[in-house]
Amino acid sequence: MNDLKALESFGFTLPSPAYLVGAILFGIIGYAAYRYGKKTSLGYPKWIGVALMLYPYAISQTWLLYVVGCGLCIGLYTFRE
């Protein structure tokens, strides 16, 4: 417990369960989109899938994770062929 308090004093905090669920969910969707884009040789699904898998590493706020993830999923749905 002291280790956790020491990390919090340096500015490190554990993510919330909602953040973890969102990161896993959008990562799975991104992996599926990447595999689909690679299988069909389409660039849009492949690169949107890569973005869905990697963007949770750059975003630390839960609400922003869901907004960007939903936006990328809408883009994936819009640019399907």
PDB file of N, CA and C in Angstrom:
ATOM      1  N   MET A   1       0.820  -1.192   0.000  1.00  0.00           N
ATOM      2  CA  MET A   1       0.000   0.000   0.000  1.00  0.00           C
ATOM      3  C   MET A   1       0.863   1.255   0.000  1.00  0.00           C
ATOM      4  N   ASN A   2       1.995   1.196   0.658  1.00  0.00           N
ATOM      5  CA  ASN A   2       2.884   2.351   0.669  1.00  0.00           C
ATOM      6  C   ASN A   2       3.471   2.607  -0.717  1.00  0.00           C
ATOM      7  N   ASP A   3       3.683   1.529  -1.464  1.00  0.00           N
ATOM      8  CA  ASP A   3       4.204   1.690  -2.822  1.00  0.00           C
ATOM      9  C   ASP A   3       3.206   2.435  -3.702  1.00  0.00           C
ATOM     10  N   LEU A   4       1.920   2.125  -3.541  1.00  0.00           N
ATOM     11  CA  LEU A   4       0.878   2.798  -4.321  1.00  0.00           C
ATOM     12  C   LEU A   4       0.817   4.281  -3.975  1.00  0.00           C
ATOM     13  N   LYS A   5       0.933   4.602  -2.709  1.00  0.00           N
ATOM     14  CA  LYS A   5       0.919   6.008  -2.296  1.00  0.00           C
ATOM     15  C   LYS A   5       2.167   6.734  -2.801  1.00  0.00           C
ATOM     16  N   ALA A   6       3.288   6.040  -2.841  1.00  0.00           N
ATOM     17  CA  ALA A   6       4.519   6.640  -3.354  1.00  0.00           C
ATOM     18  C   ALA A   6       4.387   6.929  -4.843  1.00  0.00           C
ATOM     19  N   LEU A   7       3.777   6.010  -5.589  1.00  0.00           N
ATOM     20  CA  LEU A   7       3.568   6.246  -7.023  1.00  0.00           C
ATOM     21  C   LEU A   7       2.587   7.392  -7.253  1.00  0.00           C
ATOM     22  N   GLU A   8       1.538   7.468  -6.426  1.00  0.00           N
ATOM     23  CA  GLU A   8       0.576   8.564  -6.566  1.00  0.00           C
ATOM     24  C   GLU A   8       1.229   9.907  -6.276  1.00  0.00           C
ATOM     25  N   SER A   9       2.197   9.936  -5.391  1.00  0.00           N
ATOM     26  CA  SER A   9       2.876  11.200  -5.108  1.00  0.00           C
ATOM     27  C   SER A   9       3.709  11.678  -6.302  1.00  0.00           C
ATOM     28  N   PHE A  10       4.115  10.746  -7.173  1.00  0.00           N
ATOM     29  CA  PHE A  10       4.842  11.103  -8.390  1.00  0.00           C
ATOM     30  C   PHE A  10       3.915  11.403  -9.564  1.00  0.00           C
ATOM     31  N   GLY A  11       2.584  11.236  -9.356  1.00  0.00           N
ATOM     32  CA  GLY A  11       1.626  11.539 -10.412  1.00  0.00           C
ATOM     33  C   GLY A  11       1.122  10.323 -11.160  1.00  0.00           C
ATOM     34  N   PHE A  12       1.512   9.131 -10.751  1.00  0.00           N
ATOM     35  CA  PHE A  12       1.037   7.910 -11.392  1.00  0.00           C
ATOM     36  C   PHE A  12      -0.230   7.431 -10.702  1.00  0.00           C
ATOM     37  N   THR A  13      -1.266   7.146 -11.476  1.00  0.00           N
ATOM     38  CA  THR A  13      -2.502   6.614 -10.925  1.00  0.00           C
ATOM     39  C   THR A  13      -2.945   5.412 -11.761  1.00  0.00           C
ATOM     40  N   LEU A  14      -3.695   4.538 -11.144  1.00  0.00           N
ATOM     41  CA  LEU A  14      -4.212   3.378 -11.856  1.00  0.00           C
ATOM     42  C   LEU A  14      -5.432   3.797 -12.668  1.00  0.00           C
ATOM     43  N   PRO A  15      -5.623   3.223 -13.849  1.00  0.00           N
ATOM     44  CA  PRO A  15      -6.806   3.564 -14.642  1.00  0.00           C
ATOM     45  C   PRO A  15      -8.069   2.986 -14.012  1.00  0.00           C
ATOM     46  N   SER A  16      -9.191   3.612 -14.311  1.00  0.00           N
ATOM     47  CA  SER A  16     -10.470   3.139 -13.785  1.00  0.00           C
ATOM     48  C   SER A  16     -10.904   1.878 -14.540  1.00  0.00           C
ATOM     49  N   PRO A  17     -11.803   1.102 -13.955  1.00  0.00           N
ATOM     50  CA  PRO A  17     -12.302  -0.083 -14.666  1.00  0.00           C
ATOM     51  C   PRO A  17     -12.994   0.266 -15.982  1.00  0.00           C
ATOM     52  N   ALA A  18     -13.682   1.401 -16.038  1.00  0.00           N
ATOM     53  CA  ALA A  18     -14.334   1.819 -17.284  1.00  0.00           C
ATOM     54  C   ALA A  18     -13.295   2.085 -18.373  1.00  0.00           C
ATOM     55  N   TYR A  19     -12.163   2.657 -18.001  1.00  0.00           N
ATOM     56  CA  TYR A  19     -11.094   2.915 -18.963  1.00  0.00           C
ATOM     57  C   TYR A  19     -10.523   1.593 -19.480  1.00  0.00           C
ATOM     58  N   LEU A  20     -10.290   0.643 -18.577  1.00  0.00           N
ATOM     59  CA  LEU A  20      -9.729  -0.641 -18.982  1.00  0.00           C
ATOM     60  C   LEU A  20     -10.667  -1.395 -19.915  1.00  0.00           C
ATOM     61  N   VAL A  21     -11.970  -1.370 -19.605  1.00  0.00           N
ATOM     62  CA  VAL A  21     -12.949  -2.042 -20.471  1.00  0.00           C
ATOM     63  C   VAL A  21     -12.971  -1.388 -21.850  1.00  0.00           C
ATOM     64  N   GLY A  22     -12.960  -0.063 -21.889  1.00  0.00           N
ATOM     65  CA  GLY A  22     -12.955   0.640 -23.173  1.00  0.00           C
ATOM     66  C   GLY A  22     -11.702   0.357 -23.978  1.00  0.00           C
ATOM     67  N   ALA A  23     -10.549   0.355 -23.323  1.00  0.00           N
ATOM     68  CA  ALA A  23      -9.294   0.086 -24.038  1.00  0.00           C
ATOM     69  C   ALA A  23      -9.277  -1.323 -24.611  1.00  0.00           C
ATOM     70  N   ILE A  24      -9.767  -2.291 -23.846  1.00  0.00           N
ATOM     71  CA  ILE A  24      -9.807  -3.674 -24.335  1.00  0.00           C
ATOM     72  C   ILE A  24     -10.819  -3.808 -25.469  1.00  0.00           C
ATOM     73  N   LEU A  25     -11.997  -3.207 -25.291  1.00  0.00           N
ATOM     74  CA  LEU A  25     -13.046  -3.289 -26.316  1.00  0.00           C
ATOM     75  C   LEU A  25     -12.585  -2.690 -27.641  1.00  0.00           C
ATOM     76  N   PHE A  26     -12.048  -1.473 -27.604  1.00  0.00           N
ATOM     77  CA  PHE A  26     -11.609  -0.831 -28.841  1.00  0.00           C
ATOM     78  C   PHE A  26     -10.370  -1.514 -29.413  1.00  0.00           C
ATOM     79  N   GLY A  27      -9.545  -2.112 -28.567  1.00  0.00           N
ATOM     80  CA  GLY A  27      -8.409  -2.884 -29.060  1.00  0.00           C
ATOM     81  C   GLY A  27      -8.846  -4.116 -29.831  1.00  0.00           C
ATOM     82  N   ILE A  28      -9.869  -4.805 -29.336  1.00  0.00           N
ATOM     83  CA  ILE A  28     -10.392  -5.987 -30.036  1.00  0.00           C
ATOM     84  C   ILE A  28     -11.036  -5.590 -31.360  1.00  0.00           C
ATOM     85  N   ILE A  29     -11.808  -4.509 -31.353  1.00  0.00           N
ATOM     86  CA  ILE A  29     -12.416  -4.023 -32.598  1.00  0.00           C
ATOM     87  C   ILE A  29     -11.326  -3.617 -33.587  1.00  0.00           C
ATOM     88  N   GLY A  30     -10.284  -2.965 -33.095  1.00  0.00           N
ATOM     89  CA  GLY A  30      -9.182  -2.557 -33.958  1.00  0.00           C
ATOM     90  C   GLY A  30      -8.439  -3.738 -34.547  1.00  0.00           C
ATOM     91  N   TYR A  31      -8.248  -4.779 -33.741  1.00  0.00           N
ATOM     92  CA  TYR A  31      -7.576  -5.978 -34.246  1.00  0.00           C
ATOM     93  C   TYR A  31      -8.409  -6.637 -35.344  1.00  0.00           C
ATOM     94  N   ALA A  32      -9.724  -6.725 -35.119  1.00  0.00           N
ATOM     95  CA  ALA A  32     -10.603  -7.324 -36.129  1.00  0.00           C
ATOM     96  C   ALA A  32     -10.600  -6.495 -37.415  1.00  0.00           C
ATOM     97  N   ALA A  33     -10.613  -5.172 -37.280  1.00  0.00           N
ATOM     98  CA  ALA A  33     -10.596  -4.302 -38.461  1.00  0.00           C
ATOM     99  C   ALA A  33      -9.266  -4.424 -39.205  1.00  0.00           C
ATOM    100  N   TYR A  34      -8.176  -4.515 -38.452  1.00  0.00           N
ATOM    101  CA  TYR A  34      -6.867  -4.678 -39.084  1.00  0.00           C
ATOM    102  C   TYR A  34      -6.792  -5.990 -39.859  1.00  0.00           C
ATOM    103  N   ARG A  35      -7.258  -7.076 -39.253  1.00  0.00           N
ATOM    104  CA  ARG A  35      -7.239  -8.366 -39.936  1.00  0.00           C
ATOM    105  C   ARG A  35      -8.120  -8.350 -41.182  1.00  0.00           C
ATOM    106  N   TYR A  36      -9.284  -7.715 -41.089  1.00  0.00           N
ATOM    107  CA  TYR A  36     -10.177  -7.623 -42.240  1.00  0.00           C
ATOM    108  C   TYR A  36      -9.528  -6.805 -43.354  1.00  0.00           C
ATOM    109  N   GLY A  37      -8.932  -5.671 -43.006  1.00  0.00           N
ATOM    110  CA  GLY A  37      -8.283  -4.832 -44.011  1.00  0.00           C
ATOM    111  C   GLY A  37      -7.099  -5.517 -44.658  1.00  0.00           C
ATOM    112  N   LYS A  38      -6.357  -6.281 -43.877  1.00  0.00           N
ATOM    113  CA  LYS A  38      -5.215  -7.004 -44.427  1.00  0.00           C
ATOM    114  C   LYS A  38      -5.681  -8.140 -45.341  1.00  0.00           C
ATOM    115  N   LYS A  39      -6.740  -8.826 -44.932  1.00  0.00           N
ATOM    116  CA  LYS A  39      -7.252  -9.952 -45.729  1.00  0.00           C
ATOM    117  C   LYS A  39      -7.821  -9.487 -47.062  1.00  0.00           C
ATOM    118  N   THR A  40      -8.513  -8.344 -47.063  1.00  0.00           N
ATOM    119  CA  THR A  40      -9.143  -7.843 -48.281  1.00  0.00           C
ATOM    120  C   THR A  40      -8.281  -6.826 -49.026  1.00  0.00           C
ATOM    121  N   SER A  41      -7.099  -6.532 -48.529  1.00  0.00           N
ATOM    122  CA  SER A  41      -6.170  -5.564 -49.126  1.00  0.00           C
ATOM    123  C   SER A  41      -6.778  -4.167 -49.239  1.00  0.00           C
ATOM    124  N   LEU A  42      -7.549  -3.776 -48.224  1.00  0.00           N
ATOM    125  CA  LEU A  42      -8.113  -2.426 -48.161  1.00  0.00           C
ATOM    126  C   LEU A  42      -7.332  -1.614 -47.136  1.00  0.00           C
ATOM    127  N   GLY A  43      -6.986  -0.396 -47.521  1.00  0.00           N
ATOM    128  CA  GLY A  43      -6.174   0.434 -46.639  1.00  0.00           C
ATOM    129  C   GLY A  43      -6.937   1.055 -45.486  1.00  0.00           C
ATOM    130  N   TYR A  44      -8.156   1.526 -45.726  1.00  0.00           N
ATOM    131  CA  TYR A  44      -8.900   2.222 -44.679  1.00  0.00           C
ATOM    132  C   TYR A  44      -9.159   1.362 -43.449  1.00  0.00           C
ATOM    133  N   PRO A  45      -9.723   0.172 -43.602  1.00  0.00           N
ATOM    134  CA  PRO A  45      -9.964  -0.612 -42.382  1.00  0.00           C
ATOM    135  C   PRO A  45      -8.674  -1.002 -41.666  1.00  0.00           C
ATOM    136  N   LYS A  46      -7.634  -1.244 -42.437  1.00  0.00           N
ATOM    137  CA  LYS A  46      -6.372  -1.653 -41.835  1.00  0.00           C
ATOM    138  C   LYS A  46      -5.790  -0.536 -40.970  1.00  0.00           C
ATOM    139  N   TRP A  47      -5.758   0.685 -41.489  1.00  0.00           N
ATOM    140  CA  TRP A  47      -5.152   1.787 -40.740  1.00  0.00           C
ATOM    141  C   TRP A  47      -6.050   2.314 -39.630  1.00  0.00           C
ATOM    142  N   ILE A  48      -7.354   2.254 -39.821  1.00  0.00           N
ATOM    143  CA  ILE A  48      -8.257   2.618 -38.723  1.00  0.00           C
ATOM    144  C   ILE A  48      -8.134   1.572 -37.616  1.00  0.00           C
ATOM    145  N   GLY A  49      -7.952   0.312 -37.978  1.00  0.00           N
ATOM    146  CA  GLY A  49      -7.723  -0.730 -36.986  1.00  0.00           C
ATOM    147  C   GLY A  49      -6.448  -0.497 -36.191  1.00  0.00           C
ATOM    148  N   VAL A  50      -5.389  -0.092 -36.855  1.00  0.00           N
ATOM    149  CA  VAL A  50      -4.140   0.221 -36.160  1.00  0.00           C
ATOM    150  C   VAL A  50      -4.359   1.398 -35.203  1.00  0.00           C
ATOM    151  N   ALA A  51      -5.085   2.404 -35.659  1.00  0.00           N
ATOM    152  CA  ALA A  51      -5.372   3.562 -34.798  1.00  0.00           C
ATOM    153  C   ALA A  51      -6.199   3.142 -33.584  1.00  0.00           C
ATOM    154  N   LEU A  52      -7.184   2.270 -33.783  1.00  0.00           N
ATOM    155  CA  LEU A  52      -8.001   1.799 -32.663  1.00  0.00           C
ATOM    156  C   LEU A  52      -7.181   1.003 -31.652  1.00  0.00           C
ATOM    157  N   MET A  53      -6.190   0.287 -32.124  1.00  0.00           N
ATOM    158  CA  MET A  53      -5.368  -0.497 -31.205  1.00  0.00           C
ATOM    159  C   MET A  53      -4.380   0.372 -30.433  1.00  0.00           C
ATOM    160  N   LEU A  54      -3.908   1.460 -31.036  1.00  0.00           N
ATOM    161  CA  LEU A  54      -2.817   2.221 -30.428  1.00  0.00           C
ATOM    162  C   LEU A  54      -3.226   3.500 -29.698  1.00  0.00           C
ATOM    163  N   TYR A  55      -4.378   4.080 -30.018  1.00  0.00           N
ATOM    164  CA  TYR A  55      -4.698   5.370 -29.423  1.00  0.00           C
ATOM    165  C   TYR A  55      -4.922   5.338 -27.908  1.00  0.00           C
ATOM    166  N   PRO A  56      -5.333   4.220 -27.277  1.00  0.00           N
ATOM    167  CA  PRO A  56      -5.470   4.260 -25.816  1.00  0.00           C
ATOM    168  C   PRO A  56      -4.163   4.530 -25.079  1.00  0.00           C
ATOM    169  N   TYR A  57      -3.035   4.296 -25.720  1.00  0.00           N
ATOM    170  CA  TYR A  57      -1.750   4.591 -25.085  1.00  0.00           C
ATOM    171  C   TYR A  57      -1.486   6.087 -25.004  1.00  0.00           C
ATOM    172  N   ALA A  58      -2.155   6.887 -25.830  1.00  0.00           N
ATOM    173  CA  ALA A  58      -1.924   8.323 -25.861  1.00  0.00           C
ATOM    174  C   ALA A  58      -2.983   9.121 -25.105  1.00  0.00           C
ATOM    175  N   ILE A  59      -4.081   8.478 -24.731  1.00  0.00           N
ATOM    176  CA  ILE A  59      -5.186   9.173 -24.082  1.00  0.00           C
ATOM    177  C   ILE A  59      -5.336   8.643 -22.662  1.00  0.00           C
ATOM    178  N   SER A  60      -5.436   9.550 -21.694  1.00  0.00           N
ATOM    179  CA  SER A  60      -5.536   9.111 -20.305  1.00  0.00           C
ATOM    180  C   SER A  60      -6.901   9.395 -19.677  1.00  0.00           C
ATOM    181  N   GLN A  61      -7.758  10.130 -20.350  1.00  0.00           N
ATOM    182  CA  GLN A  61      -9.077  10.444 -19.797  1.00  0.00           C
ATOM    183  C   GLN A  61     -10.109   9.474 -20.361  1.00  0.00           C
ATOM    184  N   THR A  62     -10.968   8.958 -19.472  1.00  0.00           N
ATOM    185  CA  THR A  62     -11.926   7.932 -19.866  1.00  0.00           C
ATOM    186  C   THR A  62     -12.934   8.450 -20.871  1.00  0.00           C
ATOM    187  N   TRP A  63     -13.459   9.642 -20.659  1.00  0.00           N
ATOM    188  CA  TRP A  63     -14.486  10.167 -21.570  1.00  0.00           C
ATOM    189  C   TRP A  63     -13.894  10.394 -22.954  1.00  0.00           C
ATOM    190  N   LEU A  64     -12.650  10.839 -23.022  1.00  0.00           N
ATOM    191  CA  LEU A  64     -12.003  11.077 -24.309  1.00  0.00           C
ATOM    192  C   LEU A  64     -11.695   9.748 -25.018  1.00  0.00           C
ATOM    193  N   LEU A  65     -11.382   8.708 -24.244  1.00  0.00           N
ATOM    194  CA  LEU A  65     -11.156   7.387 -24.816  1.00  0.00           C
ATOM    195  C   LEU A  65     -12.398   6.915 -25.562  1.00  0.00           C
ATOM    196  N   TYR A  66     -13.575   7.088 -24.935  1.00  0.00           N
ATOM    197  CA  TYR A  66     -14.816   6.642 -25.569  1.00  0.00           C
ATOM    198  C   TYR A  66     -15.216   7.527 -26.750  1.00  0.00           C
ATOM    199  N   VAL A  67     -14.970   8.821 -26.664  1.00  0.00           N
ATOM    200  CA  VAL A  67     -15.313   9.719 -27.776  1.00  0.00           C
ATOM    201  C   VAL A  67     -14.466   9.408 -28.999  1.00  0.00           C
ATOM    202  N   VAL A  68     -13.168   9.276 -28.822  1.00  0.00           N
ATOM    203  CA  VAL A  68     -12.270   8.979 -29.947  1.00  0.00           C
ATOM    204  C   VAL A  68     -12.541   7.576 -30.485  1.00  0.00           C
ATOM    205  N   GLY A  69     -12.757   6.612 -29.596  1.00  0.00           N
ATOM    206  CA  GLY A  69     -13.045   5.245 -30.029  1.00  0.00           C
ATOM    207  C   GLY A  69     -14.327   5.152 -30.833  1.00  0.00           C
ATOM    208  N   CYS A  70     -15.370   5.822 -30.365  1.00  0.00           N
ATOM    209  CA  CYS A  70     -16.630   5.817 -31.118  1.00  0.00           C
ATOM    210  C   CYS A  70     -16.464   6.530 -32.455  1.00  0.00           C
ATOM    211  N   GLY A  71     -15.692   7.607 -32.476  1.00  0.00           N
ATOM    212  CA  GLY A  71     -15.433   8.313 -33.732  1.00  0.00           C
ATOM    213  C   GLY A  71     -14.689   7.444 -34.732  1.00  0.00           C
ATOM    214  N   LEU A  72     -13.700   6.714 -34.261  1.00  0.00           N
ATOM    215  CA  LEU A  72     -12.966   5.821 -35.157  1.00  0.00           C
ATOM    216  C   LEU A  72     -13.839   4.665 -35.632  1.00  0.00           C
ATOM    217  N   CYS A  73     -14.713   4.158 -34.759  1.00  0.00           N
ATOM    218  CA  CYS A  73     -15.625   3.084 -35.168  1.00  0.00           C
ATOM    219  C   CYS A  73     -16.630   3.584 -36.197  1.00  0.00           C
ATOM    220  N   ILE A  74     -17.093   4.822 -36.037  1.00  0.00           N
ATOM    221  CA  ILE A  74     -17.990   5.412 -37.038  1.00  0.00           C
ATOM    222  C   ILE A  74     -17.247   5.573 -38.359  1.00  0.00           C
ATOM    223  N   GLY A  75     -15.985   6.002 -38.291  1.00  0.00           N
ATOM    224  CA  GLY A  75     -15.173   6.100 -39.499  1.00  0.00           C
ATOM    225  C   GLY A  75     -14.967   4.748 -40.147  1.00  0.00           C
ATOM    226  N   LEU A  76     -14.788   3.724 -39.352  1.00  0.00           N
ATOM    227  CA  LEU A  76     -14.634   2.377 -39.878  1.00  0.00           C
ATOM    228  C   LEU A  76     -15.908   1.919 -40.567  1.00  0.00           C
ATOM    229  N   TYR A  77     -17.040   2.241 -39.997  1.00  0.00           N
ATOM    230  CA  TYR A  77     -18.329   1.869 -40.602  1.00  0.00           C
ATOM    231  C   TYR A  77     -18.591   2.674 -41.885  1.00  0.00           C
ATOM    232  N   THR A  78     -18.198   3.935 -41.871  1.00  0.00           N
ATOM    233  CA  THR A  78     -18.436   4.819 -43.015  1.00  0.00           C
ATOM    234  C   THR A  78     -17.565   4.443 -44.212  1.00  0.00           C
ATOM    235  N   PHE A  79     -16.307   4.101 -43.969  1.00  0.00           N
ATOM    236  CA  PHE A  79     -15.377   3.843 -45.071  1.00  0.00           C
ATOM    237  C   PHE A  79     -15.299   2.381 -45.470  1.00  0.00           C
ATOM    238  N   ARG A  80     -16.269   1.585 -45.082  1.00  0.00           N
ATOM    239  CA  ARG A  80     -16.238   0.185 -45.514  1.00  0.00           C
ATOM    240  C   ARG A  80     -16.583   0.119 -47.007  1.00  0.00           C
ATOM    241  N   GLU A  81     -16.111  -0.915 -47.652  1.00  0.00           N
ATOM    242  CA  GLU A  81     -16.375  -1.050 -49.083  1.00  0.00           C
ATOM    243  C   GLU A  81     -16.927  -2.413 -49.378  1.00  0.00           C
TER     244      GLU A  81
END
